[in-house]
Amino acid sequence: MKIVLDRPRCEGHGLCEEAAPELMHLDDDGELVLDREEIGDTDAAQAGAAVRVCPVAALRLS
């Protein structure tokens, strides 16, 4: 499974970072950085939570 970020859509709210801090973070400029794009079964719940909480639907799983 893979996390896909639609960077132009991302507004840097940080809710995804709260839901999945091991997978992503906001940098000093407020830009989302994916620490890992490939997600294993152990991280699937966090990845799914991050996708669900994004208010602008900038994340998806594929």
PDB file of N, CA and C in Angstrom:
ATOM      1  N   MET A   1       0.852  -1.161   0.000  1.00  0.00           N
ATOM      2  CA  MET A   1       0.000   0.000   0.000  1.00  0.00           C
ATOM      3  C   MET A   1       0.905   1.233   0.000  1.00  0.00           C
ATOM      4  N   LYS A   2       0.404   2.305  -0.557  1.00  0.00           N
ATOM      5  CA  LYS A   2       1.189   3.519  -0.700  1.00  0.00           C
ATOM      6  C   LYS A   2       0.333   4.732  -0.332  1.00  0.00           C
ATOM      7  N   ILE A   3       0.939   5.710   0.349  1.00  0.00           N
ATOM      8  CA  ILE A   3       0.271   6.987   0.617  1.00  0.00           C
ATOM      9  C   ILE A   3       0.625   7.927  -0.528  1.00  0.00           C
ATOM     10  N   VAL A   4      -0.391   8.569  -1.086  1.00  0.00           N
ATOM     11  CA  VAL A   4      -0.187   9.515  -2.179  1.00  0.00           C
ATOM     12  C   VAL A   4      -0.635  10.891  -1.691  1.00  0.00           C
ATOM     13  N   LEU A   5       0.244  11.876  -1.848  1.00  0.00           N
ATOM     14  CA  LEU A   5      -0.029  13.249  -1.429  1.00  0.00           C
ATOM     15  C   LEU A   5      -0.283  14.112  -2.654  1.00  0.00           C
ATOM     16  N   ASP A   6      -1.404  14.819  -2.653  1.00  0.00           N
ATOM     17  CA  ASP A   6      -1.701  15.824  -3.675  1.00  0.00           C
ATOM     18  C   ASP A   6      -1.187  17.149  -3.108  1.00  0.00           C
ATOM     19  N   ARG A   7       0.096  17.429  -3.331  1.00  0.00           N
ATOM     20  CA  ARG A   7       0.764  18.565  -2.709  1.00  0.00           C
ATOM     21  C   ARG A   7       0.056  19.908  -2.946  1.00  0.00           C
ATOM     22  N   PRO A   8      -0.404  20.225  -4.152  1.00  0.00           N
ATOM     23  CA  PRO A   8      -1.078  21.517  -4.344  1.00  0.00           C
ATOM     24  C   PRO A   8      -2.356  21.655  -3.508  1.00  0.00           C
ATOM     25  N   ARG A   9      -2.985  20.544  -3.205  1.00  0.00           N
ATOM     26  CA  ARG A   9      -4.227  20.576  -2.444  1.00  0.00           C
ATOM     27  C   ARG A   9      -3.972  20.737  -0.937  1.00  0.00           C
ATOM     28  N   CYS A  10      -2.819  20.277  -0.459  1.00  0.00           N
ATOM     29  CA  CYS A  10      -2.495  20.296   0.964  1.00  0.00           C
ATOM     30  C   CYS A  10      -2.401  21.734   1.475  1.00  0.00           C
ATOM     31  N   GLU A  11      -3.084  22.018   2.590  1.00  0.00           N
ATOM     32  CA  GLU A  11      -3.068  23.346   3.203  1.00  0.00           C
ATOM     33  C   GLU A  11      -2.292  23.364   4.511  1.00  0.00           C
ATOM     34  N   GLY A  12      -1.685  22.255   4.896  1.00  0.00           N
ATOM     35  CA  GLY A  12      -0.836  22.209   6.080  1.00  0.00           C
ATOM     36  C   GLY A  12      -1.563  22.292   7.409  1.00  0.00           C
ATOM     37  N   HIS A  13      -2.767  21.752   7.487  1.00  0.00           N
ATOM     38  CA  HIS A  13      -3.521  21.775   8.739  1.00  0.00           C
ATOM     39  C   HIS A  13      -2.853  20.941   9.832  1.00  0.00           C
ATOM     40  N   GLY A  14      -2.183  19.869   9.459  1.00  0.00           N
ATOM     41  CA  GLY A  14      -1.453  19.045  10.415  1.00  0.00           C
ATOM     42  C   GLY A  14      -2.248  17.951  11.094  1.00  0.00           C
ATOM     43  N   LEU A  15      -3.507  17.784  10.737  1.00  0.00           N
ATOM     44  CA  LEU A  15      -4.317  16.732  11.350  1.00  0.00           C
ATOM     45  C   LEU A  15      -3.778  15.355  10.988  1.00  0.00           C
ATOM     46  N   CYS A  16      -3.277  15.218   9.779  1.00  0.00           N
ATOM     47  CA  CYS A  16      -2.703  13.938   9.351  1.00  0.00           C
ATOM     48  C   CYS A  16      -1.458  13.613  10.168  1.00  0.00           C
ATOM     49  N   GLU A  17      -0.675  14.616  10.461  1.00  0.00           N
ATOM     50  CA  GLU A  17       0.528  14.421  11.274  1.00  0.00           C
ATOM     51  C   GLU A  17       0.167  13.928  12.670  1.00  0.00           C
ATOM     52  N   GLU A  18      -0.902  14.459  13.234  1.00  0.00           N
ATOM     53  CA  GLU A  18      -1.371  14.005  14.542  1.00  0.00           C
ATOM     54  C   GLU A  18      -1.853  12.556  14.480  1.00  0.00           C
ATOM     55  N   ALA A  19      -2.484  12.190  13.383  1.00  0.00           N
ATOM     56  CA  ALA A  19      -3.019  10.836  13.236  1.00  0.00           C
ATOM     57  C   ALA A  19      -1.936   9.807  12.921  1.00  0.00           C
ATOM     58  N   ALA A  20      -0.880  10.233  12.241  1.00  0.00           N
ATOM     59  CA  ALA A  20       0.161   9.290  11.816  1.00  0.00           C
ATOM     60  C   ALA A  20       1.555   9.919  11.944  1.00  0.00           C
ATOM     61  N   PRO A  21       1.986  10.221  13.161  1.00  0.00           N
ATOM     62  CA  PRO A  21       3.271  10.910  13.335  1.00  0.00           C
ATOM     63  C   PRO A  21       4.484  10.096  12.902  1.00  0.00           C
ATOM     64  N   GLU A  22       4.340   8.791  12.807  1.00  0.00           N
ATOM     65  CA  GLU A  22       5.461   7.952  12.363  1.00  0.00           C
ATOM     66  C   GLU A  22       5.587   7.923  10.843  1.00  0.00           C
ATOM     67  N   LEU A  23       4.567   8.424  10.152  1.00  0.00           N
ATOM     68  CA  LEU A  23       4.547   8.334   8.696  1.00  0.00           C
ATOM     69  C   LEU A  23       4.753   9.674   7.999  1.00  0.00           C
ATOM     70  N   MET A  24       4.461  10.780   8.705  1.00  0.00           N
ATOM     71  CA  MET A  24       4.527  12.091   8.060  1.00  0.00           C
ATOM     72  C   MET A  24       4.716  13.180   9.099  1.00  0.00           C
ATOM     73  N   HIS A  25       5.189  14.341   8.638  1.00  0.00           N
ATOM     74  CA  HIS A  25       5.329  15.492   9.520  1.00  0.00           C
ATOM     75  C   HIS A  25       5.286  16.776   8.695  1.00  0.00           C
ATOM     76  N   LEU A  26       5.008  17.872   9.374  1.00  0.00           N
ATOM     77  CA  LEU A  26       5.078  19.178   8.737  1.00  0.00           C
ATOM     78  C   LEU A  26       6.484  19.722   8.957  1.00  0.00           C
ATOM     79  N   ASP A  27       7.090  20.249   7.901  1.00  0.00           N
ATOM     80  CA  ASP A  27       8.423  20.819   8.054  1.00  0.00           C
ATOM     81  C   ASP A  27       8.318  22.239   8.620  1.00  0.00           C
ATOM     82  N   ASP A  28       9.437  22.924   8.724  1.00  0.00           N
ATOM     83  CA  ASP A  28       9.468  24.266   9.311  1.00  0.00           C
ATOM     84  C   ASP A  28       8.665  25.286   8.515  1.00  0.00           C
ATOM     85  N   ASP A  29       8.424  25.001   7.246  1.00  0.00           N
ATOM     86  CA  ASP A  29       7.636  25.898   6.397  1.00  0.00           C
ATOM     87  C   ASP A  29       6.161  25.517   6.355  1.00  0.00           C
ATOM     88  N   GLY A  30       5.770  24.503   7.122  1.00  0.00           N
ATOM     89  CA  GLY A  30       4.383  24.064   7.133  1.00  0.00           C
ATOM     90  C   GLY A  30       4.017  23.149   5.982  1.00  0.00           C
ATOM     91  N   GLU A  31       5.009  22.634   5.271  1.00  0.00           N
ATOM     92  CA  GLU A  31       4.773  21.705   4.156  1.00  0.00           C
ATOM     93  C   GLU A  31       4.780  20.277   4.682  1.00  0.00           C
ATOM     94  N   LEU A  32       3.847  19.488   4.208  1.00  0.00           N
ATOM     95  CA  LEU A  32       3.785  18.089   4.620  1.00  0.00           C
ATOM     96  C   LEU A  32       4.895  17.290   3.955  1.00  0.00           C
ATOM     97  N   VAL A  33       5.579  16.490   4.762  1.00  0.00           N
ATOM     98  CA  VAL A  33       6.643  15.609   4.280  1.00  0.00           C
ATOM     99  C   VAL A  33       6.243  14.187   4.626  1.00  0.00           C
ATOM    100  N   LEU A  34       6.193  13.325   3.638  1.00  0.00           N
ATOM    101  CA  LEU A  34       5.925  11.915   3.881  1.00  0.00           C
ATOM    102  C   LEU A  34       7.239  11.240   4.238  1.00  0.00           C
ATOM    103  N   ASP A  35       7.327  10.731   5.457  1.00  0.00           N
ATOM    104  CA  ASP A  35       8.543  10.041   5.882  1.00  0.00           C
ATOM    105  C   ASP A  35       8.649   8.674   5.220  1.00  0.00           C
ATOM    106  N   ARG A  36       7.499   8.092   4.933  1.00  0.00           N
ATOM    107  CA  ARG A  36       7.442   6.819   4.208  1.00  0.00           C
ATOM    108  C   ARG A  36       6.222   6.845   3.305  1.00  0.00           C
ATOM    109  N   GLU A  37       6.418   6.519   2.053  1.00  0.00           N
ATOM    110  CA  GLU A  37       5.290   6.416   1.139  1.00  0.00           C
ATOM    111  C   GLU A  37       4.745   4.999   1.107  1.00  0.00           C
ATOM    112  N   GLU A  38       5.637   4.009   1.183  1.00  0.00           N
ATOM    113  CA  GLU A  38       5.219   2.611   1.196  1.00  0.00           C
ATOM    114  C   GLU A  38       4.801   2.238   2.614  1.00  0.00           C
ATOM    115  N   ILE A  39       3.595   1.704   2.739  1.00  0.00           N
ATOM    116  CA  ILE A  39       3.026   1.392   4.044  1.00  0.00           C
ATOM    117  C   ILE A  39       2.793  -0.107   4.149  1.00  0.00           C
ATOM    118  N   GLY A  40       3.276  -0.687   5.225  1.00  0.00           N
ATOM    119  CA  GLY A  40       3.029  -2.099   5.488  1.00  0.00           C
ATOM    120  C   GLY A  40       1.760  -2.280   6.303  1.00  0.00           C
ATOM    121  N   ASP A  41       1.422  -3.513   6.574  1.00  0.00           N
ATOM    122  CA  ASP A  41       0.208  -3.822   7.328  1.00  0.00           C
ATOM    123  C   ASP A  41       0.205  -3.206   8.719  1.00  0.00           C
ATOM    124  N   THR A  42       1.377  -3.097   9.339  1.00  0.00           N
ATOM    125  CA  THR A  42       1.431  -2.563  10.704  1.00  0.00           C
ATOM    126  C   THR A  42       1.109  -1.077  10.749  1.00  0.00           C
ATOM    127  N   ASP A  43       1.308  -0.354   9.653  1.00  0.00           N
ATOM    128  CA  ASP A  43       1.035   1.080   9.612  1.00  0.00           C
ATOM    129  C   ASP A  43      -0.259   1.431   8.883  1.00  0.00           C
ATOM    130  N   ALA A  44      -0.978   0.443   8.430  1.00  0.00           N
ATOM    131  CA  ALA A  44      -2.179   0.688   7.628  1.00  0.00           C
ATOM    132  C   ALA A  44      -3.244   1.459   8.395  1.00  0.00           C
ATOM    133  N   ALA A  45      -3.413   1.176   9.672  1.00  0.00           N
ATOM    134  CA  ALA A  45      -4.437   1.875  10.457  1.00  0.00           C
ATOM    135  C   ALA A  45      -4.103   3.360  10.587  1.00  0.00           C
ATOM    136  N   GLN A  46      -2.832   3.664  10.868  1.00  0.00           N
ATOM    137  CA  GLN A  46      -2.421   5.069  10.971  1.00  0.00           C
ATOM    138  C   GLN A  46      -2.578   5.787   9.638  1.00  0.00           C
ATOM    139  N   ALA A  47      -2.174   5.135   8.564  1.00  0.00           N
ATOM    140  CA  ALA A  47      -2.286   5.740   7.242  1.00  0.00           C
ATOM    141  C   ALA A  47      -3.741   6.021   6.898  1.00  0.00           C
ATOM    142  N   GLY A  48      -4.612   5.073   7.172  1.00  0.00           N
ATOM    143  CA  GLY A  48      -6.035   5.264   6.908  1.00  0.00           C
ATOM    144  C   GLY A  48      -6.613   6.400   7.726  1.00  0.00           C
ATOM    145  N   ALA A  49      -6.193   6.518   8.983  1.00  0.00           N
ATOM    146  CA  ALA A  49      -6.667   7.606   9.846  1.00  0.00           C
ATOM    147  C   ALA A  49      -6.212   8.951   9.294  1.00  0.00           C
ATOM    148  N   ALA A  50      -4.974   9.025   8.824  1.00  0.00           N
ATOM    149  CA  ALA A  50      -4.464  10.280   8.264  1.00  0.00           C
ATOM    150  C   ALA A  50      -5.265  10.697   7.040  1.00  0.00           C
ATOM    151  N   VAL A  51      -5.586   9.743   6.186  1.00  0.00           N
ATOM    152  CA  VAL A  51      -6.379  10.035   4.989  1.00  0.00           C
ATOM    153  C   VAL A  51      -7.768  10.536   5.392  1.00  0.00           C
ATOM    154  N   ARG A  52      -8.373   9.901   6.362  1.00  0.00           N
ATOM    155  CA  ARG A  52      -9.741  10.269   6.779  1.00  0.00           C
ATOM    156  C   ARG A  52      -9.819  11.649   7.414  1.00  0.00           C
ATOM    157  N   VAL A  53      -8.807  12.062   8.172  1.00  0.00           N
ATOM    158  CA  VAL A  53      -8.905  13.337   8.880  1.00  0.00           C
ATOM    159  C   VAL A  53      -8.513  14.540   8.043  1.00  0.00           C
ATOM    160  N   CYS A  54      -7.940  14.337   6.874  1.00  0.00           N
ATOM    161  CA  CYS A  54      -7.532  15.471   6.043  1.00  0.00           C
ATOM    162  C   CYS A  54      -8.764  16.248   5.579  1.00  0.00           C
ATOM    163  N   PRO A  55      -8.879  17.530   5.975  1.00  0.00           N
ATOM    164  CA  PRO A  55     -10.082  18.296   5.626  1.00  0.00           C
ATOM    165  C   PRO A  55     -10.166  18.685   4.156  1.00  0.00           C
ATOM    166  N   VAL A  56      -9.069  18.572   3.419  1.00  0.00           N
ATOM    167  CA  VAL A  56      -9.080  18.960   2.010  1.00  0.00           C
ATOM    168  C   VAL A  56      -8.813  17.770   1.079  1.00  0.00           C
ATOM    169  N   ALA A  57      -8.841  16.561   1.624  1.00  0.00           N
ATOM    170  CA  ALA A  57      -8.655  15.330   0.849  1.00  0.00           C
ATOM    171  C   ALA A  57      -7.378  15.361   0.017  1.00  0.00           C
ATOM    172  N   ALA A  58      -6.274  15.762   0.662  1.00  0.00           N
ATOM    173  CA  ALA A  58      -4.983  15.815  -0.030  1.00  0.00           C
ATOM    174  C   ALA A  58      -4.234  14.503   0.010  1.00  0.00           C
ATOM    175  N   LEU A  59      -4.730  13.553   0.784  1.00  0.00           N
ATOM    176  CA  LEU A  59      -4.076  12.244   0.910  1.00  0.00           C
ATOM    177  C   LEU A  59      -5.012  11.146   0.426  1.00  0.00           C
ATOM    178  N   ARG A  60      -4.409  10.106  -0.142  1.00  0.00           N
ATOM    179  CA  ARG A  60      -5.191   8.916  -0.498  1.00  0.00           C
ATOM    180  C   ARG A  60      -4.264   7.716  -0.402  1.00  0.00           C
ATOM    181  N   LEU A  61      -4.860   6.563  -0.293  1.00  0.00           N
ATOM    182  CA  LEU A  61      -4.117   5.311  -0.292  1.00  0.00           C
ATOM    183  C   LEU A  61      -4.308   4.610  -1.619  1.00  0.00           C
ATOM    184  N   SER A  62      -3.242   4.033  -2.123  1.00  0.00           N
ATOM    185  CA  SER A  62      -3.356   3.252  -3.359  1.00  0.00           C
ATOM    186  C   SER A  62      -2.665   1.929  -3.192  1.00  0.00           C
TER     187      SER A  62
END
